Amino acid sequence: CETLHQSSCSAEDEKKSDENQKKVIIHTGNWGCGAFGGNIEVHAMLQVLAAVAANVDGMCYHSVDKRSMQKAQNGVNVLLKELYPKCKDKQGWIKTKVLMNELLKKGYKWGTPNGT
């Protein structure tokens, strides 16, 4: 089992953390990418966006093999290095319409069901 740890993107969130507060860590993986044929890279991006929007403290991504873990890592890298800088507003919020247009420009397609 391959695992990718993706922590909260904001250093400011870490400063607000209180030692007595419980941390929320999301454990997730390639949901919708087997029988439904979802795109692993896009699903990883969406799960990171959802975790950040929900203000969770961290995310642990699990995968069944190195190949799909690499795809998930690629998706997260594209999100953080390419998409987020183009899609954020002055307050750092992601403009959804811009994000969707950028994803379409990149040519992401739905995957093929794996028969499970």
N, C-alpha and C. Protein backbone atom coordinates (compact mmCIF):
# COMPACT_ATOMS: atom_id res chain seq x y z
N CYS A 1 0.84 -1.18 0.00
CA CYS A 1 0.00 0.00 0.00
C CYS A 1 0.89 1.24 0.00
N GLU A 2 0.68 2.11 -0.95
CA GLU A 2 1.44 3.35 -1.03
C GLU A 2 0.68 4.45 -0.29
N THR A 3 1.40 5.36 0.33
CA THR A 3 0.77 6.44 1.09
C THR A 3 1.45 7.77 0.80
N LEU A 4 0.66 8.80 0.57
CA LEU A 4 1.13 10.15 0.34
C LEU A 4 0.56 11.03 1.45
N HIS A 5 1.41 11.74 2.14
CA HIS A 5 0.94 12.65 3.18
C HIS A 5 0.92 14.06 2.62
N GLN A 6 -0.24 14.69 2.68
CA GLN A 6 -0.39 16.06 2.21
C GLN A 6 -0.89 16.89 3.38
N SER A 7 -0.02 17.76 3.89
CA SER A 7 -0.40 18.59 5.03
C SER A 7 -1.10 19.84 4.56
N SER A 8 -1.71 20.52 5.50
CA SER A 8 -2.38 21.77 5.20
C SER A 8 -1.41 22.74 4.54
N CYS A 9 -1.92 23.47 3.55
CA CYS A 9 -1.07 24.34 2.75
C CYS A 9 -0.71 25.66 3.44
N SER A 10 -1.39 26.01 4.50
CA SER A 10 -1.23 27.32 5.10
C SER A 10 -0.42 27.27 6.39
N ALA A 11 0.67 28.02 6.41
CA ALA A 11 1.49 28.11 7.63
C ALA A 11 0.72 28.82 8.73
N GLU A 12 -0.17 29.73 8.35
CA GLU A 12 -0.96 30.46 9.33
C GLU A 12 -1.87 29.52 10.12
N ASP A 13 -2.39 28.49 9.45
CA ASP A 13 -3.24 27.52 10.14
C ASP A 13 -2.47 26.82 11.24
N GLU A 14 -1.18 26.54 10.99
CA GLU A 14 -0.35 25.87 11.98
C GLU A 14 -0.16 26.75 13.21
N LYS A 15 -0.03 28.06 13.02
CA LYS A 15 0.14 28.98 14.14
C LYS A 15 -1.09 28.99 15.04
N LYS A 16 -2.27 28.84 14.44
CA LYS A 16 -3.53 28.86 15.18
C LYS A 16 -3.77 27.57 15.95
N SER A 17 -3.03 26.54 15.61
CA SER A 17 -3.24 25.23 16.20
C SER A 17 -2.99 25.29 17.71
N ASP A 18 -3.90 24.69 18.47
CA ASP A 18 -3.80 24.65 19.92
C ASP A 18 -3.45 23.22 20.31
N GLU A 19 -2.52 23.07 21.24
CA GLU A 19 -2.09 21.73 21.65
C GLU A 19 -3.24 20.89 22.18
N ASN A 20 -4.25 21.51 22.77
CA ASN A 20 -5.37 20.77 23.33
C ASN A 20 -6.43 20.41 22.29
N GLN A 21 -6.36 21.01 21.12
CA GLN A 21 -7.32 20.72 20.07
C GLN A 21 -6.97 19.42 19.36
N LYS A 22 -8.00 18.67 19.04
CA LYS A 22 -7.78 17.46 18.25
C LYS A 22 -7.54 17.86 16.81
N LYS A 23 -6.61 17.19 16.17
CA LYS A 23 -6.33 17.46 14.77
C LYS A 23 -7.22 16.57 13.91
N VAL A 24 -7.67 17.13 12.80
CA VAL A 24 -8.49 16.37 11.87
C VAL A 24 -7.59 15.95 10.71
N ILE A 25 -7.41 14.64 10.56
CA ILE A 25 -6.61 14.09 9.47
C ILE A 25 -7.53 13.23 8.61
N ILE A 26 -7.60 13.54 7.34
CA ILE A 26 -8.43 12.79 6.40
C ILE A 26 -7.59 11.66 5.79
N HIS A 27 -8.10 10.45 5.83
CA HIS A 27 -7.48 9.31 5.14
C HIS A 27 -8.35 9.04 3.92
N THR A 28 -7.75 9.10 2.76
CA THR A 28 -8.51 8.96 1.52
C THR A 28 -7.69 8.21 0.49
N GLY A 29 -8.20 8.11 -0.71
CA GLY A 29 -7.49 7.39 -1.76
C GLY A 29 -8.14 7.60 -3.11
N ASN A 30 -8.01 6.62 -3.97
CA ASN A 30 -8.48 6.73 -5.36
C ASN A 30 -9.98 6.50 -5.48
N TRP A 31 -10.79 7.24 -4.72
CA TRP A 31 -12.24 7.07 -4.75
C TRP A 31 -12.79 7.37 -6.13
N GLY A 32 -13.57 6.43 -6.67
CA GLY A 32 -14.20 6.63 -7.97
C GLY A 32 -13.28 6.36 -9.15
N CYS A 33 -12.09 5.83 -8.90
CA CYS A 33 -11.11 5.65 -9.96
C CYS A 33 -10.95 4.19 -10.40
N GLY A 34 -11.74 3.30 -9.87
CA GLY A 34 -11.66 1.88 -10.25
C GLY A 34 -12.83 1.54 -11.16
N ALA A 35 -13.91 1.08 -10.55
CA ALA A 35 -15.09 0.66 -11.30
C ALA A 35 -15.70 1.82 -12.08
N PHE A 36 -15.56 3.04 -11.57
CA PHE A 36 -16.17 4.19 -12.24
C PHE A 36 -15.23 4.88 -13.23
N GLY A 37 -13.98 4.48 -13.24
CA GLY A 37 -13.03 4.99 -14.24
C GLY A 37 -12.61 6.43 -14.08
N GLY A 38 -12.66 6.97 -12.87
CA GLY A 38 -12.26 8.36 -12.66
C GLY A 38 -10.77 8.57 -12.89
N ASN A 39 -10.40 9.79 -13.17
CA ASN A 39 -9.01 10.17 -13.41
C ASN A 39 -8.32 10.38 -12.06
N ILE A 40 -7.31 9.58 -11.77
CA ILE A 40 -6.63 9.62 -10.47
C ILE A 40 -6.07 11.01 -10.18
N GLU A 41 -5.43 11.64 -11.16
CA GLU A 41 -4.83 12.97 -10.93
C GLU A 41 -5.90 13.99 -10.56
N VAL A 42 -6.99 14.01 -11.31
CA VAL A 42 -8.06 14.98 -11.04
C VAL A 42 -8.72 14.70 -9.70
N HIS A 43 -8.97 13.43 -9.39
CA HIS A 43 -9.60 13.10 -8.11
C HIS A 43 -8.69 13.47 -6.94
N ALA A 44 -7.39 13.29 -7.07
CA ALA A 44 -6.46 13.70 -6.00
C ALA A 44 -6.53 15.21 -5.81
N MET A 45 -6.55 15.96 -6.93
CA MET A 45 -6.66 17.43 -6.83
C MET A 45 -7.94 17.83 -6.11
N LEU A 46 -9.05 17.22 -6.51
CA LEU A 46 -10.34 17.57 -5.90
C LEU A 46 -10.38 17.24 -4.41
N GLN A 47 -9.76 16.14 -4.03
CA GLN A 47 -9.76 15.77 -2.62
C GLN A 47 -8.89 16.72 -1.79
N VAL A 48 -7.78 17.17 -2.35
CA VAL A 48 -6.95 18.16 -1.65
C VAL A 48 -7.73 19.47 -1.51
N LEU A 49 -8.38 19.91 -2.59
CA LEU A 49 -9.18 21.13 -2.54
C LEU A 49 -10.28 21.02 -1.48
N ALA A 50 -10.95 19.88 -1.43
CA ALA A 50 -12.02 19.68 -0.45
C ALA A 50 -11.47 19.70 0.97
N ALA A 51 -10.31 19.08 1.18
CA ALA A 51 -9.70 19.06 2.52
C ALA A 51 -9.31 20.46 2.97
N VAL A 52 -8.74 21.24 2.06
CA VAL A 52 -8.36 22.61 2.40
C VAL A 52 -9.61 23.45 2.67
N ALA A 53 -10.63 23.28 1.83
CA ALA A 53 -11.88 24.03 2.03
C ALA A 53 -12.54 23.69 3.36
N ALA A 54 -12.39 22.44 3.79
CA ALA A 54 -12.97 22.00 5.07
C ALA A 54 -12.07 22.34 6.25
N ASN A 55 -10.91 22.93 5.96
CA ASN A 55 -9.97 23.37 6.99
C ASN A 55 -9.47 22.21 7.85
N VAL A 56 -9.22 21.05 7.21
CA VAL A 56 -8.66 19.93 7.95
C VAL A 56 -7.18 20.17 8.19
N ASP A 57 -6.64 19.49 9.17
CA ASP A 57 -5.24 19.69 9.54
C ASP A 57 -4.26 18.93 8.64
N GLY A 58 -4.72 17.86 8.02
CA GLY A 58 -3.84 17.09 7.18
C GLY A 58 -4.60 16.05 6.39
N MET A 59 -3.90 15.46 5.45
CA MET A 59 -4.53 14.46 4.58
C MET A 59 -3.53 13.35 4.34
N CYS A 60 -3.99 12.12 4.43
CA CYS A 60 -3.16 10.95 4.15
C CYS A 60 -3.81 10.21 2.99
N TYR A 61 -3.13 10.17 1.86
CA TYR A 61 -3.68 9.57 0.64
C TYR A 61 -3.12 8.17 0.51
N HIS A 62 -4.01 7.18 0.38
CA HIS A 62 -3.60 5.78 0.25
C HIS A 62 -3.90 5.28 -1.15
N SER A 63 -3.02 4.46 -1.67
CA SER A 63 -3.21 3.89 -2.99
C SER A 63 -2.74 2.44 -2.97
N VAL A 64 -3.17 1.67 -3.97
CA VAL A 64 -2.83 0.24 -3.98
C VAL A 64 -1.48 -0.05 -4.62
N ASP A 65 -0.95 0.88 -5.40
CA ASP A 65 0.34 0.62 -6.06
C ASP A 65 1.10 1.92 -6.33
N LYS A 66 2.36 1.78 -6.68
CA LYS A 66 3.22 2.95 -6.91
C LYS A 66 2.77 3.76 -8.12
N ARG A 67 2.25 3.10 -9.14
CA ARG A 67 1.84 3.80 -10.36
C ARG A 67 0.69 4.77 -10.07
N SER A 68 -0.33 4.30 -9.37
CA SER A 68 -1.45 5.19 -9.07
C SER A 68 -1.06 6.24 -8.04
N MET A 69 -0.12 5.91 -7.14
CA MET A 69 0.36 6.91 -6.18
C MET A 69 1.11 8.02 -6.91
N GLN A 70 1.88 7.65 -7.92
CA GLN A 70 2.60 8.66 -8.70
C GLN A 70 1.62 9.58 -9.43
N LYS A 71 0.54 9.01 -9.94
CA LYS A 71 -0.48 9.82 -10.61
C LYS A 71 -1.12 10.80 -9.61
N ALA A 72 -1.41 10.33 -8.41
CA ALA A 72 -1.99 11.20 -7.39
C ALA A 72 -1.01 12.32 -7.04
N GLN A 73 0.27 11.99 -6.87
CA GLN A 73 1.29 13.00 -6.57
C GLN A 73 1.42 14.00 -7.71
N ASN A 74 1.37 13.51 -8.94
CA ASN A 74 1.41 14.41 -10.10
C ASN A 74 0.25 15.40 -10.06
N GLY A 75 -0.95 14.89 -9.75
CA GLY A 75 -2.11 15.76 -9.66
C GLY A 75 -1.96 16.84 -8.61
N VAL A 76 -1.46 16.45 -7.44
CA VAL A 76 -1.24 17.43 -6.36
C VAL A 76 -0.19 18.46 -6.78
N ASN A 77 0.87 18.01 -7.43
CA ASN A 77 1.91 18.94 -7.89
C ASN A 77 1.36 19.93 -8.92
N VAL A 78 0.55 19.45 -9.85
CA VAL A 78 -0.07 20.33 -10.85
C VAL A 78 -0.95 21.35 -10.14
N LEU A 79 -1.73 20.89 -9.18
CA LEU A 79 -2.62 21.79 -8.44
C LEU A 79 -1.83 22.89 -7.75
N LEU A 80 -0.81 22.50 -6.99
CA LEU A 80 -0.07 23.47 -6.18
C LEU A 80 0.84 24.38 -6.99
N LYS A 81 1.49 23.83 -8.00
CA LYS A 81 2.50 24.60 -8.74
C LYS A 81 1.95 25.32 -9.97
N GLU A 82 0.92 24.78 -10.59
CA GLU A 82 0.42 25.37 -11.84
C GLU A 82 -0.97 25.99 -11.71
N LEU A 83 -1.91 25.23 -11.15
CA LEU A 83 -3.29 25.69 -11.14
C LEU A 83 -3.57 26.73 -10.05
N TYR A 84 -3.15 26.45 -8.84
CA TYR A 84 -3.45 27.38 -7.74
C TYR A 84 -2.93 28.79 -8.01
N PRO A 85 -1.68 28.95 -8.48
CA PRO A 85 -1.22 30.32 -8.75
C PRO A 85 -2.07 31.05 -9.81
N LYS A 86 -2.63 30.34 -10.76
CA LYS A 86 -3.45 30.96 -11.81
C LYS A 86 -4.87 31.21 -11.35
N CYS A 87 -5.35 30.44 -10.40
CA CYS A 87 -6.78 30.43 -10.05
C CYS A 87 -7.13 31.16 -8.77
N LYS A 88 -6.15 31.61 -8.01
CA LYS A 88 -6.48 32.23 -6.72
C LYS A 88 -6.78 33.72 -6.89
N ASP A 89 -7.62 34.22 -5.99
CA ASP A 89 -7.88 35.65 -5.96
C ASP A 89 -6.93 36.31 -4.97
N LYS A 90 -7.13 37.59 -4.70
CA LYS A 90 -6.20 38.32 -3.82
C LYS A 90 -6.19 37.80 -2.39
N GLN A 91 -7.27 37.17 -1.95
CA GLN A 91 -7.34 36.62 -0.60
C GLN A 91 -6.85 35.16 -0.56
N GLY A 92 -6.49 34.59 -1.71
CA GLY A 92 -6.02 33.22 -1.75
C GLY A 92 -7.11 32.19 -2.02
N TRP A 93 -8.36 32.65 -2.20
CA TRP A 93 -9.46 31.74 -2.51
C TRP A 93 -9.37 31.31 -3.97
N ILE A 94 -9.72 30.07 -4.24
CA ILE A 94 -9.69 29.57 -5.61
C ILE A 94 -10.98 29.98 -6.32
N LYS A 95 -10.80 30.58 -7.49
CA LYS A 95 -11.95 30.94 -8.33
C LYS A 95 -12.33 29.68 -9.13
N THR A 96 -13.47 29.11 -8.77
CA THR A 96 -13.89 27.82 -9.31
C THR A 96 -13.99 27.81 -10.83
N LYS A 97 -14.57 28.84 -11.40
CA LYS A 97 -14.73 28.90 -12.86
C LYS A 97 -13.37 28.90 -13.56
N VAL A 98 -12.43 29.64 -13.02
CA VAL A 98 -11.07 29.68 -13.59
C VAL A 98 -10.42 28.31 -13.45
N LEU A 99 -10.57 27.67 -12.29
CA LEU A 99 -10.01 26.35 -12.07
C LEU A 99 -10.57 25.35 -13.09
N MET A 100 -11.88 25.34 -13.28
CA MET A 100 -12.49 24.40 -14.23
C MET A 100 -11.97 24.66 -15.65
N ASN A 101 -11.85 25.91 -16.03
CA ASN A 101 -11.31 26.25 -17.36
C ASN A 101 -9.87 25.78 -17.51
N GLU A 102 -9.07 25.95 -16.48
CA GLU A 102 -7.67 25.51 -16.53
C GLU A 102 -7.57 23.99 -16.61
N LEU A 103 -8.43 23.28 -15.87
CA LEU A 103 -8.45 21.82 -15.96
C LEU A 103 -8.82 21.37 -17.37
N LEU A 104 -9.81 22.03 -17.97
CA LEU A 104 -10.21 21.69 -19.34
C LEU A 104 -9.08 21.96 -20.33
N LYS A 105 -8.37 23.07 -20.15
CA LYS A 105 -7.23 23.40 -21.03
C LYS A 105 -6.16 22.33 -20.96
N LYS A 106 -5.98 21.73 -19.79
CA LYS A 106 -4.95 20.69 -19.62
C LYS A 106 -5.36 19.38 -20.27
N GLY A 107 -6.62 19.26 -20.67
CA GLY A 107 -7.07 18.09 -21.39
C GLY A 107 -7.31 16.84 -20.55
N TYR A 108 -7.56 17.01 -19.26
CA TYR A 108 -7.85 15.84 -18.42
C TYR A 108 -9.10 15.14 -18.92
N LYS A 109 -9.04 13.85 -18.98
CA LYS A 109 -10.17 13.04 -19.43
C LYS A 109 -10.52 12.02 -18.36
N TRP A 110 -11.77 11.54 -18.43
CA TRP A 110 -12.22 10.49 -17.53
C TRP A 110 -11.47 9.21 -17.89
N GLY A 111 -11.16 8.40 -16.92
CA GLY A 111 -10.42 7.16 -17.16
C GLY A 111 -11.32 6.03 -17.67
N THR A 112 -10.80 4.85 -17.65
CA THR A 112 -11.52 3.65 -18.10
C THR A 112 -11.82 2.78 -16.89
N PRO A 113 -13.07 2.32 -16.75
CA PRO A 113 -13.39 1.44 -15.63
C PRO A 113 -12.48 0.20 -15.64
N ASN A 114 -12.12 -0.26 -14.45
CA ASN A 114 -11.20 -1.41 -14.37
C ASN A 114 -11.93 -2.74 -14.17
N GLY A 115 -13.26 -2.72 -14.21
CA GLY A 115 -14.02 -3.95 -14.11
C GLY A 115 -14.31 -4.43 -12.69
N THR A 116 -13.94 -3.65 -11.67
CA THR A 116 -14.22 -4.08 -10.29
C THR A 116 -15.61 -3.71 -9.87
